[in-house]
PDB file of N, CA and C in Angstrom:
ATOM      1  N   MET A   1    -157.523 -33.320 -11.266  1.00  0.00           N
ATOM      2  CA  MET A   1    -157.292 -31.930 -10.934  1.00  0.00           C
ATOM      3  C   MET A   1    -156.059 -31.842 -10.031  1.00  0.00           C
ATOM      4  N   ASP A   2    -155.291 -30.813 -10.216  1.00  0.00           N
ATOM      5  CA  ASP A   2    -154.102 -30.575  -9.416  1.00  0.00           C
ATOM      6  C   ASP A   2    -154.489 -30.403  -7.948  1.00  0.00           C
ATOM      7  N   LYS A   3    -153.765 -31.068  -7.057  1.00  0.00           N
ATOM      8  CA  LYS A   3    -154.086 -31.025  -5.631  1.00  0.00           C
ATOM      9  C   LYS A   3    -154.041 -29.598  -5.095  1.00  0.00           C
ATOM     10  N   ARG A   4    -153.094 -28.789  -5.552  1.00  0.00           N
ATOM     11  CA  ARG A   4    -153.000 -27.406  -5.088  1.00  0.00           C
ATOM     12  C   ARG A   4    -154.242 -26.617  -5.466  1.00  0.00           C
ATOM     13  N   LYS A   5    -154.739 -26.880  -6.665  1.00  0.00           N
ATOM     14  CA  LYS A   5    -155.943 -26.181  -7.115  1.00  0.00           C
ATOM     15  C   LYS A   5    -157.151 -26.616  -6.277  1.00  0.00           C
ATOM     16  N   THR A   6    -157.236 -27.895  -5.976  1.00  0.00           N
ATOM     17  CA  THR A   6    -158.328 -28.416  -5.152  1.00  0.00           C
ATOM     18  C   THR A   6    -158.298 -27.793  -3.767  1.00  0.00           C
ATOM     19  N   VAL A   7    -157.117 -27.751  -3.158  1.00  0.00           N
ATOM     20  CA  VAL A   7    -156.966 -27.162  -1.826  1.00  0.00           C
ATOM     21  C   VAL A   7    -157.313 -25.682  -1.870  1.00  0.00           C
ATOM     22  N   GLY A   8    -156.872 -24.984  -2.909  1.00  0.00           N
ATOM     23  CA  GLY A   8    -157.179 -23.564  -3.060  1.00  0.00           C
ATOM     24  C   GLY A   8    -158.673 -23.316  -3.202  1.00  0.00           C
ATOM     25  N   THR A   9    -159.341 -24.157  -3.969  1.00  0.00           N
ATOM     26  CA  THR A   9    -160.788 -24.026  -4.161  1.00  0.00           C
ATOM     27  C   THR A   9    -161.519 -24.293  -2.853  1.00  0.00           C
ATOM     28  N   GLU A  10    -161.085 -25.311  -2.123  1.00  0.00           N
ATOM     29  CA  GLU A  10    -161.714 -25.626  -0.834  1.00  0.00           C
ATOM     30  C   GLU A  10    -161.541 -24.470   0.145  1.00  0.00           C
ATOM     31  N   LYS A  11    -160.360 -23.884   0.182  1.00  0.00           N
ATOM     32  CA  LYS A  11    -160.094 -22.743   1.074  1.00  0.00           C
ATOM     33  C   LYS A  11    -160.959 -21.548   0.669  1.00  0.00           C
ATOM     34  N   PHE A  12    -161.049 -21.281  -0.626  1.00  0.00           N
ATOM     35  CA  PHE A  12    -161.880 -20.180  -1.109  1.00  0.00           C
ATOM     36  C   PHE A  12    -163.328 -20.385  -0.679  1.00  0.00           C
ATOM     37  N   ASN A  13    -163.840 -21.598  -0.867  1.00  0.00           N
ATOM     38  CA  ASN A  13    -165.228 -21.891  -0.511  1.00  0.00           C
ATOM     39  C   ASN A  13    -165.466 -21.781   0.992  1.00  0.00           C
ATOM     40  N   LEU A  14    -164.505 -22.215   1.792  1.00  0.00           N
ATOM     41  CA  LEU A  14    -164.621 -22.104   3.240  1.00  0.00           C
ATOM     42  C   LEU A  14    -164.703 -20.641   3.666  1.00  0.00           C
ATOM     43  N   VAL A  15    -163.800 -19.822   3.159  1.00  0.00           N
ATOM     44  CA  VAL A  15    -163.794 -18.400   3.494  1.00  0.00           C
ATOM     45  C   VAL A  15    -165.097 -17.752   3.019  1.00  0.00           C
ATOM     46  N   HIS A  16    -165.547 -18.116   1.843  1.00  0.00           N
ATOM     47  CA  HIS A  16    -166.780 -17.541   1.298  1.00  0.00           C
ATOM     48  C   HIS A  16    -167.972 -17.869   2.203  1.00  0.00           C
ATOM     49  N   ARG A  17    -168.063 -19.120   2.641  1.00  0.00           N
ATOM     50  CA  ARG A  17    -169.152 -19.514   3.552  1.00  0.00           C
ATOM     51  C   ARG A  17    -169.066 -18.752   4.870  1.00  0.00           C
ATOM     52  N   GLU A  18    -167.866 -18.567   5.373  1.00  0.00           N
ATOM     53  CA  GLU A  18    -167.685 -17.812   6.616  1.00  0.00           C
ATOM     54  C   GLU A  18    -168.117 -16.357   6.438  1.00  0.00           C
ATOM     55  N   LEU A  19    -167.788 -15.768   5.301  1.00  0.00           N
ATOM     56  CA  LEU A  19    -168.189 -14.384   5.037  1.00  0.00           C
ATOM     57  C   LEU A  19    -169.705 -14.265   4.940  1.00  0.00           C
ATOM     58  N   ILE A  20    -170.343 -15.220   4.313  1.00  0.00           N
ATOM     59  CA  ILE A  20    -171.805 -15.213   4.213  1.00  0.00           C
ATOM     60  C   ILE A  20    -172.413 -15.373   5.606  1.00  0.00           C
ATOM     61  N   SER A  21    -171.868 -16.270   6.393  1.00  0.00           N
ATOM     62  CA  SER A  21    -172.368 -16.485   7.752  1.00  0.00           C
ATOM     63  C   SER A  21    -172.244 -15.215   8.592  1.00  0.00           C
ATOM     64  N   LYS A  22    -171.099 -14.568   8.531  1.00  0.00           N
ATOM     65  CA  LYS A  22    -170.900 -13.322   9.278  1.00  0.00           C
ATOM     66  C   LYS A  22    -171.833 -12.234   8.771  1.00  0.00           C
ATOM     67  N   SER A  23    -172.073 -12.198   7.482  1.00  0.00           N
ATOM     68  CA  SER A  23    -172.999 -11.214   6.914  1.00  0.00           C
ATOM     69  C   SER A  23    -174.399 -11.414   7.472  1.00  0.00           C
ATOM     70  N   LYS A  24    -174.807 -12.663   7.587  1.00  0.00           N
ATOM     71  CA  LYS A  24    -176.126 -12.974   8.135  1.00  0.00           C
ATOM     72  C   LYS A  24    -176.207 -12.583   9.609  1.00  0.00           C
ATOM     73  N   GLN A  25    -175.107 -12.731  10.326  1.00  0.00           N
ATOM     74  CA  GLN A  25    -175.075 -12.309  11.730  1.00  0.00           C
ATOM     75  C   GLN A  25    -175.210 -10.792  11.839  1.00  0.00           C
ATOM     76  N   ILE A  26    -174.564 -10.070  10.935  1.00  0.00           N
ATOM     77  CA  ILE A  26    -174.690  -8.612  10.919  1.00  0.00           C
ATOM     78  C   ILE A  26    -176.141  -8.233  10.686  1.00  0.00           C
ATOM     79  N   LEU A  27    -176.777  -8.888   9.727  1.00  0.00           N
ATOM     80  CA  LEU A  27    -178.174  -8.583   9.423  1.00  0.00           C
ATOM     81  C   LEU A  27    -179.097  -8.936  10.580  1.00  0.00           C
ATOM     82  N   ALA A  28    -178.754  -9.953  11.338  1.00  0.00           N
ATOM     83  CA  ALA A  28    -179.593 -10.361  12.465  1.00  0.00           C
ATOM     84  C   ALA A  28    -179.562  -9.346  13.599  1.00  0.00           C
ATOM     85  N   SER A  29    -178.473  -8.607  13.691  1.00  0.00           N
ATOM     86  CA  SER A  29    -178.335  -7.677  14.812  1.00  0.00           C
ATOM     87  C   SER A  29    -178.401  -6.207  14.430  1.00  0.00           C
ATOM     88  N   SER A  30    -178.511  -5.921  13.137  1.00  0.00           N
ATOM     89  CA  SER A  30    -178.567  -4.523  12.717  1.00  0.00           C
ATOM     90  C   SER A  30    -179.321  -4.426  11.389  1.00  0.00           C
ATOM     91  N   SER A  31    -179.248  -3.285  10.770  1.00  0.00           N
ATOM     92  CA  SER A  31    -180.022  -3.073   9.547  1.00  0.00           C
ATOM     93  C   SER A  31    -179.253  -3.487   8.295  1.00  0.00           C
ATOM     94  N   PHE A  32    -179.976  -3.583   7.215  1.00  0.00           N
ATOM     95  CA  PHE A  32    -179.401  -3.936   5.928  1.00  0.00           C
ATOM     96  C   PHE A  32    -178.318  -2.944   5.518  1.00  0.00           C
ATOM     97  N   LEU A  33    -178.499  -1.690   5.888  1.00  0.00           N
ATOM     98  CA  LEU A  33    -177.518  -0.656   5.539  1.00  0.00           C
ATOM     99  C   LEU A  33    -176.183  -0.855   6.249  1.00  0.00           C
ATOM    100  N   ASP A  34    -176.187  -1.630   7.315  1.00  0.00           N
ATOM    101  CA  ASP A  34    -174.951  -1.890   8.054  1.00  0.00           C
ATOM    102  C   ASP A  34    -174.125  -3.023   7.469  1.00  0.00           C
ATOM    103  N   LEU A  35    -174.669  -3.697   6.466  1.00  0.00           N
ATOM    104  CA  LEU A  35    -173.916  -4.758   5.807  1.00  0.00           C
ATOM    105  C   LEU A  35    -173.031  -4.131   4.735  1.00  0.00           C
ATOM    106  N   THR A  36    -171.826  -3.801   5.134  1.00  0.00           N
ATOM    107  CA  THR A  36    -170.841  -3.194   4.236  1.00  0.00           C
ATOM    108  C   THR A  36    -169.577  -4.031   4.273  1.00  0.00           C
ATOM    109  N   PHE A  37    -168.723  -3.833   3.300  1.00  0.00           N
ATOM    110  CA  PHE A  37    -167.448  -4.544   3.291  1.00  0.00           C
ATOM    111  C   PHE A  37    -166.633  -4.204   4.540  1.00  0.00           C
ATOM    112  N   GLN A  38    -166.674  -2.955   4.943  1.00  0.00           N
ATOM    113  CA  GLN A  38    -165.904  -2.540   6.115  1.00  0.00           C
ATOM    114  C   GLN A  38    -166.426  -3.211   7.384  1.00  0.00           C
ATOM    115  N   ASN A  39    -167.747  -3.214   7.577  1.00  0.00           N
ATOM    116  CA  ASN A  39    -168.311  -3.863   8.765  1.00  0.00           C
ATOM    117  C   ASN A  39    -168.076  -5.375   8.735  1.00  0.00           C
ATOM    118  N   LEU A  40    -168.172  -5.948   7.552  1.00  0.00           N
ATOM    119  CA  LEU A  40    -167.910  -7.375   7.411  1.00  0.00           C
ATOM    120  C   LEU A  40    -166.456  -7.687   7.750  1.00  0.00           C
ATOM    121  N   SER A  41    -165.566  -6.834   7.328  1.00  0.00           N
ATOM    122  CA  SER A  41    -164.148  -7.020   7.629  1.00  0.00           C
ATOM    123  C   SER A  41    -163.903  -6.967   9.135  1.00  0.00           C
ATOM    124  N   LYS A  42    -164.531  -6.026   9.799  1.00  0.00           N
ATOM    125  CA  LYS A  42    -164.357  -5.894  11.251  1.00  0.00           C
ATOM    126  C   LYS A  42    -164.905  -7.105  12.000  1.00  0.00           C
ATOM    127  N   SER A  43    -166.047  -7.595  11.583  1.00  0.00           N
ATOM    128  CA  SER A  43    -166.670  -8.690  12.329  1.00  0.00           C
ATOM    129  C   SER A  43    -166.120 -10.063  11.956  1.00  0.00           C
ATOM    130  N   SER A  44    -165.516 -10.182  10.782  1.00  0.00           N
ATOM    131  CA  SER A  44    -165.039 -11.487  10.336  1.00  0.00           C
ATOM    132  C   SER A  44    -163.537 -11.690  10.509  1.00  0.00           C
ATOM    133  N   ASN A  45    -162.826 -10.648  10.771  1.00  0.00           N
ATOM    134  CA  ASN A  45    -161.368 -10.686  10.873  1.00  0.00           C
ATOM    135  C   ASN A  45    -160.687 -11.034   9.551  1.00  0.00           C
ATOM    136  N   TYR A  46    -161.397 -10.860   8.444  1.00  0.00           N
ATOM    137  CA  TYR A  46    -160.780 -10.957   7.120  1.00  0.00           C
ATOM    138  C   TYR A  46    -160.547  -9.539   6.616  1.00  0.00           C
ATOM    139  N   SER A  47    -159.499  -9.367   5.852  1.00  0.00           N
ATOM    140  CA  SER A  47    -159.192  -8.038   5.331  1.00  0.00           C
ATOM    141  C   SER A  47    -160.220  -7.626   4.284  1.00  0.00           C
ATOM    142  N   LYS A  48    -160.328  -6.314   4.099  1.00  0.00           N
ATOM    143  CA  LYS A  48    -161.228  -5.829   3.042  1.00  0.00           C
ATOM    144  C   LYS A  48    -160.764  -6.330   1.684  1.00  0.00           C
ATOM    145  N   THR A  49    -159.465  -6.490   1.502  1.00  0.00           N
ATOM    146  CA  THR A  49    -158.940  -7.006   0.239  1.00  0.00           C
ATOM    147  C   THR A  49    -159.491  -8.405  -0.038  1.00  0.00           C
ATOM    148  N   THR A  50    -159.507  -9.256   0.978  1.00  0.00           N
ATOM    149  CA  THR A  50    -160.060 -10.606   0.827  1.00  0.00           C
ATOM    150  C   THR A  50    -161.541 -10.538   0.479  1.00  0.00           C
ATOM    151  N   ILE A  51    -162.267  -9.667   1.151  1.00  0.00           N
ATOM    152  CA  ILE A  51    -163.706  -9.536   0.904  1.00  0.00           C
ATOM    153  C   ILE A  51    -163.962  -8.994  -0.497  1.00  0.00           C
ATOM    154  N   TYR A  52    -163.212  -7.985  -0.898  1.00  0.00           N
ATOM    155  CA  TYR A  52    -163.353  -7.459  -2.263  1.00  0.00           C
ATOM    156  C   TYR A  52    -163.068  -8.552  -3.292  1.00  0.00           C
ATOM    157  N   TYR A  53    -162.079  -9.374  -3.028  1.00  0.00           N
ATOM    158  CA  TYR A  53    -161.742 -10.465  -3.936  1.00  0.00           C
ATOM    159  C   TYR A  53    -162.901 -11.455  -4.060  1.00  0.00           C
ATOM    160  N   HIS A  54    -163.491 -11.806  -2.942  1.00  0.00           N
ATOM    161  CA  HIS A  54    -164.576 -12.791  -2.954  1.00  0.00           C
ATOM    162  C   HIS A  54    -165.833 -12.286  -3.648  1.00  0.00           C
ATOM    163  N   PHE A  55    -166.036 -10.985  -3.632  1.00  0.00           N
ATOM    164  CA  PHE A  55    -167.261 -10.431  -4.215  1.00  0.00           C
ATOM    165  C   PHE A  55    -166.971  -9.464  -5.360  1.00  0.00           C
ATOM    166  N   ASN A  56    -165.804  -9.620  -5.961  1.00  0.00           N
ATOM    167  CA  ASN A  56    -165.409  -8.832  -7.136  1.00  0.00           C
ATOM    168  C   ASN A  56    -165.657  -7.332  -6.951  1.00  0.00           C
ATOM    169  N   SER A  57    -165.390  -6.846  -5.748  1.00  0.00           N
ATOM    170  CA  SER A  57    -165.537  -5.430  -5.409  1.00  0.00           C
ATOM    171  C   SER A  57    -166.959  -4.907  -5.610  1.00  0.00           C
ATOM    172  N   ASP A  58    -167.932  -5.793  -5.588  1.00  0.00           N
ATOM    173  CA  ASP A  58    -169.329  -5.401  -5.841  1.00  0.00           C
ATOM    174  C   ASP A  58    -170.202  -5.814  -4.666  1.00  0.00           C
ATOM    175  N   ILE A  59    -170.661  -4.843  -3.897  1.00  0.00           N
ATOM    176  CA  ILE A  59    -171.486  -5.123  -2.731  1.00  0.00           C
ATOM    177  C   ILE A  59    -172.768  -5.860  -3.115  1.00  0.00           C
ATOM    178  N   ASN A  60    -173.241  -5.644  -4.332  1.00  0.00           N
ATOM    179  CA  ASN A  60    -174.451  -6.325  -4.782  1.00  0.00           C
ATOM    180  C   ASN A  60    -174.251  -7.838  -4.864  1.00  0.00           C
ATOM    181  N   LEU A  61    -173.038  -8.280  -5.152  1.00  0.00           N
ATOM    182  CA  LEU A  61    -172.765  -9.716  -5.170  1.00  0.00           C
ATOM    183  C   LEU A  61    -172.822 -10.300  -3.761  1.00  0.00           C
ATOM    184  N   LEU A  62    -172.371  -9.532  -2.798  1.00  0.00           N
ATOM    185  CA  LEU A  62    -172.499  -9.964  -1.404  1.00  0.00           C
ATOM    186  C   LEU A  62    -173.975 -10.088  -1.044  1.00  0.00           C
ATOM    187  N   TYR A  63    -174.764  -9.059  -1.343  1.00  0.00           N
ATOM    188  CA  TYR A  63    -176.201  -9.100  -1.046  1.00  0.00           C
ATOM    189  C   TYR A  63    -176.854 -10.306  -1.722  1.00  0.00           C
ATOM    190  N   HIS A  64    -176.491 -10.539  -2.968  1.00  0.00           N
ATOM    191  CA  HIS A  64    -177.057 -11.659  -3.720  1.00  0.00           C
ATOM    192  C   HIS A  64    -176.755 -12.988  -3.027  1.00  0.00           C
ATOM    193  N   ASP A  65    -175.505 -13.187  -2.649  1.00  0.00           N
ATOM    194  CA  ASP A  65    -175.116 -14.448  -2.029  1.00  0.00           C
ATOM    195  C   ASP A  65    -175.772 -14.636  -0.657  1.00  0.00           C
ATOM    196  N   VAL A  66    -175.927 -13.551   0.096  1.00  0.00           N
ATOM    197  CA  VAL A  66    -176.591 -13.638   1.391  1.00  0.00           C
ATOM    198  C   VAL A  66    -178.062 -13.997   1.200  1.00  0.00           C
ATOM    199  N   LEU A  67    -178.722 -13.335   0.261  1.00  0.00           N
ATOM    200  CA  LEU A  67    -180.128 -13.632   0.000  1.00  0.00           C
ATOM    201  C   LEU A  67    -180.307 -15.065  -0.512  1.00  0.00           C
ATOM    202  N   LYS A  68    -179.383 -15.500  -1.345  1.00  0.00           N
ATOM    203  CA  LYS A  68    -179.422 -16.881  -1.840  1.00  0.00           C
ATOM    204  C   LYS A  68    -179.300 -17.870  -0.684  1.00  0.00           C
ATOM    205  N   SER A  69    -178.432 -17.577   0.265  1.00  0.00           N
ATOM    206  CA  SER A  69    -178.257 -18.434   1.431  1.00  0.00           C
ATOM    207  C   SER A  69    -179.534 -18.488   2.268  1.00  0.00           C
ATOM    208  N   PHE A  70    -180.162 -17.329   2.477  1.00  0.00           N
ATOM    209  CA  PHE A  70    -181.431 -17.303   3.210  1.00  0.00           C
ATOM    210  C   PHE A  70    -182.485 -18.131   2.488  1.00  0.00           C
ATOM    211  N   ARG A  71    -182.534 -17.989   1.185  1.00  0.00           N
ATOM    212  CA  ARG A  71    -183.535 -18.719   0.400  1.00  0.00           C
ATOM    213  C   ARG A  71    -183.329 -20.233   0.512  1.00  0.00           C
ATOM    214  N   LEU A  72    -182.093 -20.669   0.468  1.00  0.00           N
ATOM    215  CA  LEU A  72    -181.807 -22.097   0.620  1.00  0.00           C
ATOM    216  C   LEU A  72    -182.205 -22.611   2.000  1.00  0.00           C
ATOM    217  N   GLU A  73    -181.957 -21.805   3.034  1.00  0.00           N
ATOM    218  CA  GLU A  73    -182.360 -22.186   4.384  1.00  0.00           C
ATOM    219  C   GLU A  73    -183.875 -22.301   4.495  1.00  0.00           C
ATOM    220  N   ILE A  74    -184.576 -21.347   3.923  1.00  0.00           N
ATOM    221  CA  ILE A  74    -186.038 -21.364   3.952  1.00  0.00           C
ATOM    222  C   ILE A  74    -186.560 -22.596   3.226  1.00  0.00           C
ATOM    223  N   SER A  75    -185.996 -22.876   2.059  1.00  0.00           N
ATOM    224  CA  SER A  75    -186.413 -24.061   1.294  1.00  0.00           C
ATOM    225  C   SER A  75    -186.209 -25.330   2.105  1.00  0.00           C
ATOM    226  N   LYS A  76    -185.059 -25.431   2.751  1.00  0.00           N
ATOM    227  CA  LYS A  76    -184.760 -26.612   3.560  1.00  0.00           C
ATOM    228  C   LYS A  76    -185.750 -26.738   4.712  1.00  0.00           C
ATOM    229  N   ASN A  77    -186.050 -25.627   5.373  1.00  0.00           N
ATOM    230  CA  ASN A  77    -186.990 -25.654   6.490  1.00  0.00           C
ATOM    231  C   ASN A  77    -188.392 -26.048   6.032  1.00  0.00           C
ATOM    232  N   ILE A  78    -188.802 -25.550   4.890  1.00  0.00           N
ATOM    233  CA  ILE A  78    -190.121 -25.896   4.360  1.00  0.00           C
ATOM    234  C   ILE A  78    -190.178 -27.381   4.025  1.00  0.00           C
ATOM    235  N   GLU A  79    -189.115 -27.900   3.413  1.00  0.00           N
ATOM    236  CA  GLU A  79    -189.072 -29.324   3.090  1.00  0.00           C
ATOM    237  C   GLU A  79    -189.127 -30.181   4.351  1.00  0.00           C
ATOM    238  N   GLU A  80    -188.454 -29.729   5.394  1.00  0.00           N
ATOM    239  CA  GLU A  80    -188.465 -30.476   6.651  1.00  0.00           C
ATOM    240  C   GLU A  80    -189.850 -30.467   7.303  1.00  0.00           C
ATOM    241  N   MET A  81    -190.662 -29.476   6.996  1.00  0.00           N
ATOM    242  CA  MET A  81    -192.012 -29.405   7.545  1.00  0.00           C
ATOM    243  C   MET A  81    -192.983 -30.247   6.720  1.00  0.00           C
ATOM    244  N   ASN A  82    -192.452 -30.894   5.667  1.00  0.00           N
ATOM    245  CA  ASN A  82    -193.245 -31.768   4.801  1.00  0.00           C
ATOM    246  C   ASN A  82    -194.412 -31.049   4.132  1.00  0.00           C
ATOM    247  N   ILE A  83    -194.182 -29.835   3.696  1.00  0.00           N
ATOM    248  CA  ILE A  83    -195.195 -29.118   2.937  1.00  0.00           C
ATOM    249  C   ILE A  83    -195.083 -29.586   1.495  1.00  0.00           C
ATOM    250  N   LYS A  84    -196.195 -30.025   0.916  1.00  0.00           N
ATOM    251  CA  LYS A  84    -196.159 -30.648  -0.402  1.00  0.00           C
ATOM    252  C   LYS A  84    -195.725 -29.697  -1.505  1.00  0.00           C
ATOM    253  N   ASP A  85    -196.299 -28.513  -1.568  1.00  0.00           N
ATOM    254  CA  ASP A  85    -195.950 -27.581  -2.630  1.00  0.00           C
ATOM    255  C   ASP A  85    -195.142 -26.432  -2.036  1.00  0.00           C
ATOM    256  N   SER A  86    -193.866 -26.690  -1.774  1.00  0.00           N
ATOM    257  CA  SER A  86    -193.036 -25.701  -1.099  1.00  0.00           C
ATOM    258  C   SER A  86    -192.736 -24.494  -1.973  1.00  0.00           C
ATOM    259  N   LYS A  87    -192.846 -24.620  -3.297  1.00  0.00           N
ATOM    260  CA  LYS A  87    -192.529 -23.506  -4.191  1.00  0.00           C
ATOM    261  C   LYS A  87    -193.425 -22.311  -3.946  1.00  0.00           C
ATOM    262  N   GLN A  88    -194.639 -22.526  -3.494  1.00  0.00           N
ATOM    263  CA  GLN A  88    -195.547 -21.399  -3.282  1.00  0.00           C
ATOM    264  C   GLN A  88    -195.121 -20.540  -2.105  1.00  0.00           C
ATOM    265  N   TYR A  89    -194.241 -21.052  -1.242  1.00  0.00           N
ATOM    266  CA  TYR A  89    -193.778 -20.303  -0.077  1.00  0.00           C
ATOM    267  C   TYR A  89    -192.456 -19.593  -0.321  1.00  0.00           C
ATOM    268  N   ILE A  90    -191.865 -19.810  -1.463  1.00  0.00           N
ATOM    269  CA  ILE A  90    -190.554 -19.244  -1.762  1.00  0.00           C
ATOM    270  C   ILE A  90    -190.704 -18.126  -2.769  1.00  0.00           C
ATOM    271  N   ILE A  91    -190.107 -17.015  -2.446  1.00  0.00           N
ATOM    272  CA  ILE A  91    -190.173 -15.856  -3.344  1.00  0.00           C
ATOM    273  C   ILE A  91    -189.265 -16.074  -4.517  1.00  0.00           C
TER     274      ILE A  91
END
């Protein structure tokens, strides 16, 4: 793979993870309705253009990725607690 493409993909993934992290922080301190591209832009210091690019201008994709991140964290925590059938605890 071209090194420029690899670096670009790594940068995209880093920014995406940061946006998800900031989104989770917004949710921790306010309501679900406050998770908007504009609020995310203000709290993350990324432009709305960058955020629209990462989520294809669809707020539902942001919600999906945030929920997916929460689900992965829950799964990891359940596994760390050594619960045998962790699937029953995951929605």
